[in-house]
Every structure is written in structure tokens, then in C-alpha cells.
PDB file of N, CA and C in Angstrom:
ATOM      1  N   UNK A   1      16.429 -27.462   5.546  1.00  0.00           N
ATOM      2  CA  UNK A   1      17.196 -28.519   6.148  1.00  0.00           C
ATOM      3  C   UNK A   1      17.246 -29.746   5.227  1.00  0.00           C
ATOM      4  N   UNK A   2      16.113 -30.054   4.584  1.00  0.00           N
ATOM      5  CA  UNK A   2      16.082 -31.209   3.682  1.00  0.00           C
ATOM      6  C   UNK A   2      17.019 -31.005   2.489  1.00  0.00           C
ATOM      7  N   UNK A   3      17.084 -29.785   1.987  1.00  0.00           N
ATOM      8  CA  UNK A   3      17.960 -29.479   0.857  1.00  0.00           C
ATOM      9  C   UNK A   3      19.416 -29.692   1.267  1.00  0.00           C
ATOM     10  N   UNK A   4      19.782 -29.233   2.449  1.00  0.00           N
ATOM     11  CA  UNK A   4      21.151 -29.411   2.941  1.00  0.00           C
ATOM     12  C   UNK A   4      21.488 -30.898   3.048  1.00  0.00           C
ATOM     13  N   UNK A   5      20.586 -31.691   3.592  1.00  0.00           N
ATOM     14  CA  UNK A   5      20.817 -33.130   3.729  1.00  0.00           C
ATOM     15  C   UNK A   5      20.982 -33.774   2.354  1.00  0.00           C
ATOM     16  N   UNK A   6      20.145 -33.380   1.406  1.00  0.00           N
ATOM     17  CA  UNK A   6      20.242 -33.925   0.054  1.00  0.00           C
ATOM     18  C   UNK A   6      21.587 -33.586  -0.578  1.00  0.00           C
ATOM     19  N   UNK A   7      22.010 -32.333  -0.454  1.00  0.00           N
ATOM     20  CA  UNK A   7      23.293 -31.907  -1.021  1.00  0.00           C
ATOM     21  C   UNK A   7      24.442 -32.652  -0.345  1.00  0.00           C
ATOM     22  N   UNK A   8      24.376 -32.826   0.958  1.00  0.00           N
ATOM     23  CA  UNK A   8      25.425 -33.540   1.691  1.00  0.00           C
ATOM     24  C   UNK A   8      25.503 -34.994   1.233  1.00  0.00           C
ATOM     25  N   UNK A   9      24.376 -35.640   1.083  1.00  0.00           N
ATOM     26  CA  UNK A   9      24.358 -37.031   0.634  1.00  0.00           C
ATOM     27  C   UNK A   9      24.874 -37.138  -0.796  1.00  0.00           C
ATOM     28  N   UNK A  10      24.461 -36.229  -1.646  1.00  0.00           N
ATOM     29  CA  UNK A  10      24.945 -36.224  -3.031  1.00  0.00           C
ATOM     30  C   UNK A  10      26.462 -36.046  -3.073  1.00  0.00           C
ATOM     31  N   UNK A  11      26.978 -35.140  -2.276  1.00  0.00           N
ATOM     32  CA  UNK A  11      28.420 -34.911  -2.222  1.00  0.00           C
ATOM     33  C   UNK A  11      29.165 -36.143  -1.749  1.00  0.00           C
ATOM     34  N   UNK A  12      28.676 -36.800  -0.709  1.00  0.00           N
ATOM     35  CA  UNK A  12      29.308 -38.024  -0.217  1.00  0.00           C
ATOM     36  C   UNK A  12      29.244 -39.142  -1.247  1.00  0.00           C
ATOM     37  N   UNK A  13      28.156 -39.225  -1.975  1.00  0.00           N
ATOM     38  CA  UNK A  13      28.023 -40.231  -3.021  1.00  0.00           C
ATOM     39  C   UNK A  13      29.052 -40.011  -4.113  1.00  0.00           C
ATOM     40  N   UNK A  14      29.231 -38.773  -4.533  1.00  0.00           N
ATOM     41  CA  UNK A  14      30.213 -38.480  -5.568  1.00  0.00           C
ATOM     42  C   UNK A  14      31.625 -38.765  -5.089  1.00  0.00           C
ATOM     43  N   UNK A  15      31.932 -38.414  -3.851  1.00  0.00           N
ATOM     44  CA  UNK A  15      33.259 -38.685  -3.302  1.00  0.00           C
ATOM     45  C   UNK A  15      33.496 -40.176  -3.203  1.00  0.00           C
ATOM     46  N   UNK A  16      32.522 -40.935  -2.714  1.00  0.00           N
ATOM     47  CA  UNK A  16      32.713 -42.375  -2.558  1.00  0.00           C
ATOM     48  C   UNK A  16      32.802 -43.077  -3.899  1.00  0.00           C
ATOM     49  N   UNK A  17      32.068 -42.612  -4.904  1.00  0.00           N
ATOM     50  CA  UNK A  17      32.168 -43.257  -6.214  1.00  0.00           C
ATOM     51  C   UNK A  17      33.519 -42.968  -6.849  1.00  0.00           C
ATOM     52  N   UNK A  18      34.097 -41.813  -6.573  1.00  0.00           N
ATOM     53  CA  UNK A  18      35.437 -41.497  -7.079  1.00  0.00           C
ATOM     54  C   UNK A  18      36.457 -42.430  -6.430  1.00  0.00           C
ATOM     55  N   UNK A  19      36.287 -42.746  -5.146  1.00  0.00           N
ATOM     56  CA  UNK A  19      37.206 -43.630  -4.450  1.00  0.00           C
ATOM     57  C   UNK A  19      37.070 -45.063  -4.929  1.00  0.00           C
ATOM     58  N   UNK A  20      35.917 -45.415  -5.477  1.00  0.00           N
ATOM     59  CA  UNK A  20      35.680 -46.788  -5.890  1.00  0.00           C
ATOM     60  C   UNK A  20      36.417 -47.161  -7.165  1.00  0.00           C
ATOM     61  N   UNK A  21      36.548 -46.261  -8.090  1.00  0.00           N
ATOM     62  CA  UNK A  21      37.126 -46.650  -9.374  1.00  0.00           C
ATOM     63  C   UNK A  21      37.992 -45.552  -9.945  1.00  0.00           C
ATOM     64  N   UNK A  22      39.082 -45.973 -10.515  1.00  0.00           N
ATOM     65  CA  UNK A  22      39.937 -45.062 -11.260  1.00  0.00           C
ATOM     66  C   UNK A  22      39.812 -45.451 -12.721  1.00  0.00           C
ATOM     67  N   UNK A  23      39.993 -44.490 -13.591  1.00  0.00           N
ATOM     68  CA  UNK A  23      40.004 -44.800 -15.008  1.00  0.00           C
ATOM     69  C   UNK A  23      41.424 -45.129 -15.428  1.00  0.00           C
ATOM     70  N   UNK A  24      41.584 -46.270 -16.033  1.00  0.00           N
ATOM     71  CA  UNK A  24      42.881 -46.690 -16.546  1.00  0.00           C
ATOM     72  C   UNK A  24      42.736 -46.978 -18.029  1.00  0.00           C
ATOM     73  N   UNK A  25      43.754 -46.685 -18.794  1.00  0.00           N
ATOM     74  CA  UNK A  25      43.709 -47.042 -20.212  1.00  0.00           C
ATOM     75  C   UNK A  25      43.616 -48.562 -20.352  1.00  0.00           C
ATOM     76  N   UNK A  26      42.852 -49.052 -21.321  1.00  0.00           N
ATOM     77  CA  UNK A  26      42.744 -50.507 -21.516  1.00  0.00           C
ATOM     78  C   UNK A  26      44.102 -51.188 -21.674  1.00  0.00           C
ATOM     79  N   UNK A  27      45.064 -50.500 -22.277  1.00  0.00           N
ATOM     80  CA  UNK A  27      46.384 -51.103 -22.452  1.00  0.00           C
ATOM     81  C   UNK A  27      47.069 -51.336 -21.101  1.00  0.00           C
ATOM     82  N   UNK A  28      46.826 -50.452 -20.126  1.00  0.00           N
ATOM     83  CA  UNK A  28      47.421 -50.635 -18.801  1.00  0.00           C
ATOM     84  C   UNK A  28      46.755 -51.799 -18.068  1.00  0.00           C
ATOM     85  N   UNK A  29      45.447 -51.923 -18.187  1.00  0.00           N
ATOM     86  CA  UNK A  29      44.739 -53.047 -17.575  1.00  0.00           C
ATOM     87  C   UNK A  29      45.213 -54.355 -18.211  1.00  0.00           C
ATOM     88  N   UNK A  30      45.387 -54.370 -19.530  1.00  0.00           N
ATOM     89  CA  UNK A  30      45.875 -55.552 -20.231  1.00  0.00           C
ATOM     90  C   UNK A  30      47.282 -55.924 -19.770  1.00  0.00           C
ATOM     91  N   UNK A  31      48.159 -54.936 -19.627  1.00  0.00           N
ATOM     92  CA  UNK A  31      49.507 -55.179 -19.131  1.00  0.00           C
ATOM     93  C   UNK A  31      49.450 -55.768 -17.722  1.00  0.00           C
ATOM     94  N   UNK A  32      48.565 -55.241 -16.900  1.00  0.00           N
ATOM     95  CA  UNK A  32      48.371 -55.773 -15.551  1.00  0.00           C
ATOM     96  C   UNK A  32      47.896 -57.213 -15.578  1.00  0.00           C
ATOM     97  N   UNK A  33      47.002 -57.532 -16.513  1.00  0.00           N
ATOM     98  CA  UNK A  33      46.511 -58.915 -16.648  1.00  0.00           C
ATOM     99  C   UNK A  33      47.656 -59.856 -17.022  1.00  0.00           C
ATOM    100  N   UNK A  34      48.521 -59.401 -17.906  1.00  0.00           N
ATOM    101  CA  UNK A  34      49.665 -60.219 -18.311  1.00  0.00           C
ATOM    102  C   UNK A  34      50.631 -60.426 -17.141  1.00  0.00           C
ATOM    103  N   UNK A  35      50.913 -59.369 -16.407  1.00  0.00           N
ATOM    104  CA  UNK A  35      51.785 -59.478 -15.241  1.00  0.00           C
ATOM    105  C   UNK A  35      51.165 -60.377 -14.175  1.00  0.00           C
ATOM    106  N   UNK A  36      49.856 -60.243 -13.984  1.00  0.00           N
ATOM    107  CA  UNK A  36      49.151 -61.071 -13.010  1.00  0.00           C
ATOM    108  C   UNK A  36      49.272 -62.546 -13.390  1.00  0.00           C
ATOM    109  N   UNK A  37      49.030 -62.870 -14.650  1.00  0.00           N
ATOM    110  CA  UNK A  37      49.114 -64.258 -15.106  1.00  0.00           C
ATOM    111  C   UNK A  37      50.515 -64.820 -14.891  1.00  0.00           C
ATOM    112  N   UNK A  38      51.507 -63.998 -15.099  1.00  0.00           N
ATOM    113  CA  UNK A  38      52.902 -64.427 -14.980  1.00  0.00           C
ATOM    114  C   UNK A  38      53.356 -64.548 -13.530  1.00  0.00           C
ATOM    115  N   UNK A  39      52.937 -63.628 -12.676  1.00  0.00           N
ATOM    116  CA  UNK A  39      53.501 -63.545 -11.325  1.00  0.00           C
ATOM    117  C   UNK A  39      52.548 -63.868 -10.179  1.00  0.00           C
ATOM    118  N   UNK A  40      51.256 -63.724 -10.391  1.00  0.00           N
ATOM    119  CA  UNK A  40      50.323 -63.762  -9.262  1.00  0.00           C
ATOM    120  C   UNK A  40      49.327 -64.917  -9.296  1.00  0.00           C
ATOM    121  N   UNK A  41      49.050 -65.418 -10.483  1.00  0.00           N
ATOM    122  CA  UNK A  41      47.968 -66.403 -10.642  1.00  0.00           C
ATOM    123  C   UNK A  41      48.214 -67.696  -9.879  1.00  0.00           C
ATOM    124  N   UNK A  42      49.459 -68.061  -9.667  1.00  0.00           N
ATOM    125  CA  UNK A  42      49.754 -69.294  -8.942  1.00  0.00           C
ATOM    126  C   UNK A  42      49.072 -69.305  -7.581  1.00  0.00           C
ATOM    127  N   UNK A  43      49.095 -68.189  -6.891  1.00  0.00           N
ATOM    128  CA  UNK A  43      48.478 -68.114  -5.566  1.00  0.00           C
ATOM    129  C   UNK A  43      47.078 -67.500  -5.586  1.00  0.00           C
ATOM    130  N   UNK A  44      46.878 -66.473  -6.414  1.00  0.00           N
ATOM    131  CA  UNK A  44      45.613 -65.729  -6.402  1.00  0.00           C
ATOM    132  C   UNK A  44      44.602 -66.231  -7.412  1.00  0.00           C
ATOM    133  N   UNK A  45      44.917 -67.317  -8.113  1.00  0.00           N
ATOM    134  CA  UNK A  45      43.981 -67.911  -9.046  1.00  0.00           C
ATOM    135  C   UNK A  45      44.030 -67.290 -10.421  1.00  0.00           C
ATOM    136  N   UNK A  46      43.789 -68.111 -11.427  1.00  0.00           N
ATOM    137  CA  UNK A  46      43.737 -67.631 -12.800  1.00  0.00           C
ATOM    138  C   UNK A  46      42.623 -66.606 -12.916  1.00  0.00           C
ATOM    139  N   UNK A  47      42.986 -65.439 -13.416  1.00  0.00           N
ATOM    140  CA  UNK A  47      42.039 -64.330 -13.571  1.00  0.00           C
ATOM    141  C   UNK A  47      41.340 -63.987 -12.246  1.00  0.00           C
ATOM    142  N   UNK A  48      42.072 -64.124 -11.154  1.00  0.00           N
ATOM    143  CA  UNK A  48      41.602 -63.815  -9.796  1.00  0.00           C
ATOM    144  C   UNK A  48      40.443 -64.706  -9.357  1.00  0.00           C
ATOM    145  N   UNK A  49      40.345 -65.890  -9.898  1.00  0.00           N
ATOM    146  CA  UNK A  49      39.251 -66.789  -9.552  1.00  0.00           C
ATOM    147  C   UNK A  49      39.761 -67.971  -8.737  1.00  0.00           C
ATOM    148  N   UNK A  50      39.011 -68.315  -7.724  1.00  0.00           N
ATOM    149  CA  UNK A  50      39.260 -69.487  -6.902  1.00  0.00           C
ATOM    150  C   UNK A  50      40.665 -69.560  -6.324  1.00  0.00           C
ATOM    151  N   UNK A  51      41.095 -68.526  -5.623  1.00  0.00           N
ATOM    152  CA  UNK A  51      42.420 -68.631  -5.008  1.00  0.00           C
ATOM    153  C   UNK A  51      42.415 -69.736  -3.958  1.00  0.00           C
ATOM    154  N   UNK A  52      43.424 -70.575  -4.012  1.00  0.00           N
ATOM    155  CA  UNK A  52      43.483 -71.719  -3.102  1.00  0.00           C
ATOM    156  C   UNK A  52      43.855 -71.309  -1.684  1.00  0.00           C
ATOM    157  N   UNK A  53      44.809 -70.417  -1.531  1.00  0.00           N
ATOM    158  CA  UNK A  53      45.293 -70.070  -0.195  1.00  0.00           C
ATOM    159  C   UNK A  53      45.637 -68.593  -0.055  1.00  0.00           C
ATOM    160  N   UNK A  54      45.100 -67.778  -0.912  1.00  0.00           N
ATOM    161  CA  UNK A  54      45.398 -66.343  -0.869  1.00  0.00           C
ATOM    162  C   UNK A  54      44.098 -65.547  -0.890  1.00  0.00           C
ATOM    163  N   UNK A  55      44.232 -64.262  -0.644  1.00  0.00           N
ATOM    164  CA  UNK A  55      43.071 -63.368  -0.657  1.00  0.00           C
ATOM    165  C   UNK A  55      42.423 -63.349  -2.044  1.00  0.00           C
ATOM    166  N   UNK A  56      41.103 -63.292  -2.052  1.00  0.00           N
ATOM    167  CA  UNK A  56      40.352 -63.159  -3.301  1.00  0.00           C
ATOM    168  C   UNK A  56      40.447 -61.692  -3.725  1.00  0.00           C
ATOM    169  N   UNK A  57      41.291 -61.415  -4.690  1.00  0.00           N
ATOM    170  CA  UNK A  57      41.540 -60.031  -5.099  1.00  0.00           C
ATOM    171  C   UNK A  57      40.354 -59.373  -5.789  1.00  0.00           C
ATOM    172  N   UNK A  58      39.358 -60.158  -6.201  1.00  0.00           N
ATOM    173  CA  UNK A  58      38.155 -59.544  -6.778  1.00  0.00           C
ATOM    174  C   UNK A  58      37.405 -58.749  -5.728  1.00  0.00           C
ATOM    175  N   UNK A  59      37.660 -59.050  -4.446  1.00  0.00           N
ATOM    176  CA  UNK A  59      36.977 -58.345  -3.360  1.00  0.00           C
ATOM    177  C   UNK A  59      37.864 -57.291  -2.700  1.00  0.00           C
ATOM    178  N   UNK A  60      39.047 -57.075  -3.239  1.00  0.00           N
ATOM    179  CA  UNK A  60      39.959 -56.100  -2.642  1.00  0.00           C
ATOM    180  C   UNK A  60      39.353 -54.703  -2.759  1.00  0.00           C
ATOM    181  N   UNK A  61      39.361 -53.931  -1.670  1.00  0.00           N
ATOM    182  CA  UNK A  61      38.727 -52.603  -1.710  1.00  0.00           C
ATOM    183  C   UNK A  61      39.374 -51.678  -2.738  1.00  0.00           C
ATOM    184  N   UNK A  62      38.547 -51.034  -3.530  1.00  0.00           N
ATOM    185  CA  UNK A  62      39.042 -50.131  -4.572  1.00  0.00           C
ATOM    186  C   UNK A  62      39.630 -48.847  -4.007  1.00  0.00           C
ATOM    187  N   UNK A  63      39.367 -48.575  -2.762  1.00  0.00           N
ATOM    188  CA  UNK A  63      39.927 -47.370  -2.152  1.00  0.00           C
ATOM    189  C   UNK A  63      41.178 -47.679  -1.328  1.00  0.00           C
ATOM    190  N   UNK A  64      41.770 -48.847  -1.526  1.00  0.00           N
ATOM    191  CA  UNK A  64      42.929 -49.271  -0.738  1.00  0.00           C
ATOM    192  C   UNK A  64      44.169 -49.464  -1.618  1.00  0.00           C
ATOM    193  N   UNK A  65      44.381 -48.542  -2.541  1.00  0.00           N
ATOM    194  CA  UNK A  65      45.526 -48.649  -3.450  1.00  0.00           C
ATOM    195  C   UNK A  65      46.846 -48.685  -2.690  1.00  0.00           C
ATOM    196  N   UNK A  66      47.013 -47.819  -1.717  1.00  0.00           N
ATOM    197  CA  UNK A  66      48.279 -47.797  -0.981  1.00  0.00           C
ATOM    198  C   UNK A  66      48.502 -49.104  -0.226  1.00  0.00           C
ATOM    199  N   UNK A  67      47.446 -49.698   0.295  1.00  0.00           N
ATOM    200  CA  UNK A  67      47.547 -51.009   0.964  1.00  0.00           C
ATOM    201  C   UNK A  67      47.979 -52.079  -0.030  1.00  0.00           C
ATOM    202  N   UNK A  68      47.420 -52.038  -1.233  1.00  0.00           N
ATOM    203  CA  UNK A  68      47.780 -52.988  -2.286  1.00  0.00           C
ATOM    204  C   UNK A  68      49.266 -52.856  -2.633  1.00  0.00           C
ATOM    205  N   UNK A  69      49.702 -51.631  -2.882  1.00  0.00           N
ATOM    206  CA  UNK A  69      51.096 -51.393  -3.265  1.00  0.00           C
ATOM    207  C   UNK A  69      52.035 -51.842  -2.149  1.00  0.00           C
ATOM    208  N   UNK A  70      51.705 -51.503  -0.911  1.00  0.00           N
ATOM    209  CA  UNK A  70      52.530 -51.911   0.218  1.00  0.00           C
ATOM    210  C   UNK A  70      52.621 -53.433   0.323  1.00  0.00           C
ATOM    211  N   UNK A  71      51.503 -54.118   0.156  1.00  0.00           N
ATOM    212  CA  UNK A  71      51.493 -55.580   0.232  1.00  0.00           C
ATOM    213  C   UNK A  71      52.315 -56.212  -0.882  1.00  0.00           C
ATOM    214  N   UNK A  72      52.187 -55.684  -2.093  1.00  0.00           N
ATOM    215  CA  UNK A  72      52.936 -56.230  -3.228  1.00  0.00           C
ATOM    216  C   UNK A  72      54.432 -55.980  -3.046  1.00  0.00           C
ATOM    217  N   UNK A  73      54.785 -54.775  -2.713  1.00  0.00           N
ATOM    218  CA  UNK A  73      56.205 -54.426  -2.638  1.00  0.00           C
ATOM    219  C   UNK A  73      56.907 -55.013  -1.413  1.00  0.00           C
ATOM    220  N   UNK A  74      56.214 -55.073  -0.277  1.00  0.00           N
ATOM    221  CA  UNK A  74      56.849 -55.505   0.964  1.00  0.00           C
ATOM    222  C   UNK A  74      56.435 -56.891   1.442  1.00  0.00           C
ATOM    223  N   UNK A  75      55.454 -57.478   0.776  1.00  0.00           N
ATOM    224  CA  UNK A  75      54.958 -58.782   1.203  1.00  0.00           C
ATOM    225  C   UNK A  75      53.988 -58.659   2.359  1.00  0.00           C
ATOM    226  N   UNK A  76      53.250 -59.726   2.604  1.00  0.00           N
ATOM    227  CA  UNK A  76      52.274 -59.732   3.692  1.00  0.00           C
ATOM    228  C   UNK A  76      51.955 -61.176   4.033  1.00  0.00           C
ATOM    229  N   UNK A  77      52.078 -61.520   5.282  1.00  0.00           N
ATOM    230  CA  UNK A  77      51.876 -62.893   5.748  1.00  0.00           C
ATOM    231  C   UNK A  77      52.698 -63.859   4.902  1.00  0.00           C
ATOM    232  N   UNK A  78      52.046 -64.749   4.155  1.00  0.00           N
ATOM    233  CA  UNK A  78      52.765 -65.745   3.347  1.00  0.00           C
ATOM    234  C   UNK A  78      53.210 -65.220   1.984  1.00  0.00           C
ATOM    235  N   UNK A  79      52.794 -64.001   1.640  1.00  0.00           N
ATOM    236  CA  UNK A  79      53.163 -63.448   0.338  1.00  0.00           C
ATOM    237  C   UNK A  79      54.548 -62.814   0.409  1.00  0.00           C
ATOM    238  N   UNK A  80      55.436 -63.201  -0.498  1.00  0.00           N
ATOM    239  CA  UNK A  80      56.779 -62.606  -0.487  1.00  0.00           C
ATOM    240  C   UNK A  80      56.758 -61.190  -1.044  1.00  0.00           C
ATOM    241  N   UNK A  81      57.774 -60.404  -0.725  1.00  0.00           N
ATOM    242  CA  UNK A  81      57.889 -59.067  -1.322  1.00  0.00           C
ATOM    243  C   UNK A  81      58.301 -59.172  -2.786  1.00  0.00           C
ATOM    244  N   UNK A  82      57.765 -58.259  -3.590  1.00  0.00           N
ATOM    245  CA  UNK A  82      58.053 -58.239  -5.022  1.00  0.00           C
ATOM    246  C   UNK A  82      58.843 -56.997  -5.421  1.00  0.00           C
ATOM    247  N   UNK A  83      59.354 -56.249  -4.454  1.00  0.00           N
ATOM    248  CA  UNK A  83      60.035 -54.996  -4.759  1.00  0.00           C
ATOM    249  C   UNK A  83      61.304 -55.182  -5.583  1.00  0.00           C
ATOM    250  N   UNK A  84      61.898 -56.367  -5.527  1.00  0.00           N
ATOM    251  CA  UNK A  84      63.096 -56.608  -6.323  1.00  0.00           C
ATOM    252  C   UNK A  84      62.780 -57.231  -7.687  1.00  0.00           C
ATOM    253  N   UNK A  85      61.502 -57.465  -7.936  1.00  0.00           N
ATOM    254  CA  UNK A  85      61.073 -58.095  -9.192  1.00  0.00           C
ATOM    255  C   UNK A  85      60.292 -57.123 -10.070  1.00  0.00           C
ATOM    256  N   UNK A  86      59.370 -56.397  -9.457  1.00  0.00           N
ATOM    257  CA  UNK A  86      58.460 -55.527 -10.206  1.00  0.00           C
ATOM    258  C   UNK A  86      58.880 -54.067 -10.134  1.00  0.00           C
ATOM    259  N   UNK A  87      58.753 -53.382 -11.242  1.00  0.00           N
ATOM    260  CA  UNK A  87      58.989 -51.940 -11.290  1.00  0.00           C
ATOM    261  C   UNK A  87      57.713 -51.222 -10.859  1.00  0.00           C
ATOM    262  N   UNK A  88      57.854 -49.954 -10.496  1.00  0.00           N
ATOM    263  CA  UNK A  88      56.695 -49.170 -10.047  1.00  0.00           C
ATOM    264  C   UNK A  88      55.572 -49.159 -11.078  1.00  0.00           C
ATOM    265  N   UNK A  89      55.926 -48.984 -12.359  1.00  0.00           N
ATOM    266  CA  UNK A  89      54.877 -48.945 -13.388  1.00  0.00           C
ATOM    267  C   UNK A  89      54.196 -50.303 -13.567  1.00  0.00           C
ATOM    268  N   UNK A  90      54.900 -51.385 -13.251  1.00  0.00           N
ATOM    269  CA  UNK A  90      54.281 -52.709 -13.321  1.00  0.00           C
ATOM    270  C   UNK A  90      53.310 -52.908 -12.162  1.00  0.00           C
ATOM    271  N   UNK A  91      53.650 -52.395 -10.995  1.00  0.00           N
ATOM    272  CA  UNK A  91      52.728 -52.465  -9.855  1.00  0.00           C
ATOM    273  C   UNK A  91      51.487 -51.626 -10.143  1.00  0.00           C
ATOM    274  N   UNK A  92      51.667 -50.472 -10.780  1.00  0.00           N
ATOM    275  CA  UNK A  92      50.524 -49.651 -11.186  1.00  0.00           C
ATOM    276  C   UNK A  92      49.625 -50.409 -12.172  1.00  0.00           C
ATOM    277  N   UNK A  93      50.241 -51.128 -13.104  1.00  0.00           N
ATOM    278  CA  UNK A  93      49.464 -51.921 -14.057  1.00  0.00           C
ATOM    279  C   UNK A  93      48.723 -53.046 -13.335  1.00  0.00           C
ATOM    280  N   UNK A  94      49.366 -53.678 -12.376  1.00  0.00           N
ATOM    281  CA  UNK A  94      48.679 -54.708 -11.585  1.00  0.00           C
ATOM    282  C   UNK A  94      47.483 -54.119 -10.848  1.00  0.00           C
ATOM    283  N   UNK A  95      47.670 -52.926 -10.292  1.00  0.00           N
ATOM    284  CA  UNK A  95      46.557 -52.267  -9.604  1.00  0.00           C
ATOM    285  C   UNK A  95      45.422 -51.976 -10.589  1.00  0.00           C
ATOM    286  N   UNK A  96      45.773 -51.516 -11.782  1.00  0.00           N
ATOM    287  CA  UNK A  96      44.754 -51.251 -12.802  1.00  0.00           C
ATOM    288  C   UNK A  96      43.948 -52.516 -13.080  1.00  0.00           C
ATOM    289  N   UNK A  97      44.632 -53.647 -13.176  1.00  0.00           N
ATOM    290  CA  UNK A  97      43.956 -54.911 -13.446  1.00  0.00           C
ATOM    291  C   UNK A  97      43.117 -55.361 -12.246  1.00  0.00           C
ATOM    292  N   UNK A  98      43.713 -55.358 -11.063  1.00  0.00           N
ATOM    293  CA  UNK A  98      42.997 -55.840  -9.868  1.00  0.00           C
ATOM    294  C   UNK A  98      41.789 -54.961  -9.574  1.00  0.00           C
ATOM    295  N   UNK A  99      41.919 -53.665  -9.742  1.00  0.00           N
ATOM    296  CA  UNK A  99      40.811 -52.774  -9.390  1.00  0.00           C
ATOM    297  C   UNK A  99      39.761 -52.645 -10.489  1.00  0.00           C
ATOM    298  N   UNK A 100      40.067 -53.091 -11.707  1.00  0.00           N
ATOM    299  CA  UNK A 100      39.113 -52.921 -12.811  1.00  0.00           C
ATOM    300  C   UNK A 100      38.840 -54.179 -13.634  1.00  0.00           C
ATOM    301  N   UNK A 101      39.758 -55.101 -13.695  1.00  0.00           N
ATOM    302  CA  UNK A 101      39.635 -56.194 -14.645  1.00  0.00           C
ATOM    303  C   UNK A 101      39.043 -57.469 -14.088  1.00  0.00           C
ATOM    304  N   UNK A 102      38.504 -58.275 -14.974  1.00  0.00           N
ATOM    305  CA  UNK A 102      37.997 -59.620 -14.671  1.00  0.00           C
ATOM    306  C   UNK A 102      37.062 -59.672 -13.484  1.00  0.00           C
ATOM    307  N   UNK A 103      36.033 -58.883 -13.527  1.00  0.00           N
ATOM    308  CA  UNK A 103      35.047 -58.870 -12.444  1.00  0.00           C
ATOM    309  C   UNK A 103      33.862 -59.804 -12.714  1.00  0.00           C
ATOM    310  N   UNK A 104      33.831 -60.463 -13.844  1.00  0.00           N
ATOM    311  CA  UNK A 104      32.691 -61.324 -14.190  1.00  0.00           C
ATOM    312  C   UNK A 104      32.587 -62.515 -13.263  1.00  0.00           C
TER     313      UNK A 104
END
């Protein structure tokens, strides 16, 4: 029984760690950082720091990619929709940056 519990916990740990982080090429994260500085920093803070009136994206759940994409493309509360401004690959780059970059 103990072996089964250990294997189950190990399996859940591996699944949850996979949900926490995706591997993105550094160039995609860099592109996301550039797009963020150009389009998002006004509300979400320079390098995701000290947002004045928006969500702190450094705390955005890493397993909520679809929520992120939906919010960016369709807007949410005071955030306008960006579907007419950003291309799909640019939203992917933003996700790469938000989920991996500037965590210091």
C-alpha cells in the first residue's frame, strides 16, 4: 500500500510540475518581453513590477494559459481586447514571457 501511495504522489508531482512550466525558446521569451514593454507595461508595470491598477502577472497561474489568452484577446474588466492588435504568435510570445520571464 505504501508503494502505491508513493507512486501516486510521484505521478501527481510530475503532472503538476509539467503544468507549472513550459519550455520556450529564449528568443520567444525575449519577443514577449518586447511586446509586453510596448503594449502591456503601462497597466501591468515595467517588467511586470508594481502594477498600479492591474493584476500582478508575476503571480498569474502557469496552468492557466487558456485563461490568459482569452483575457488578452477578449479583454477582461477594465482591460480592452487586443484581438485586433496582436497576432496569435504574439500572444504566444507574451505567454512565454509572462509564464517564464522576469521572476526576480
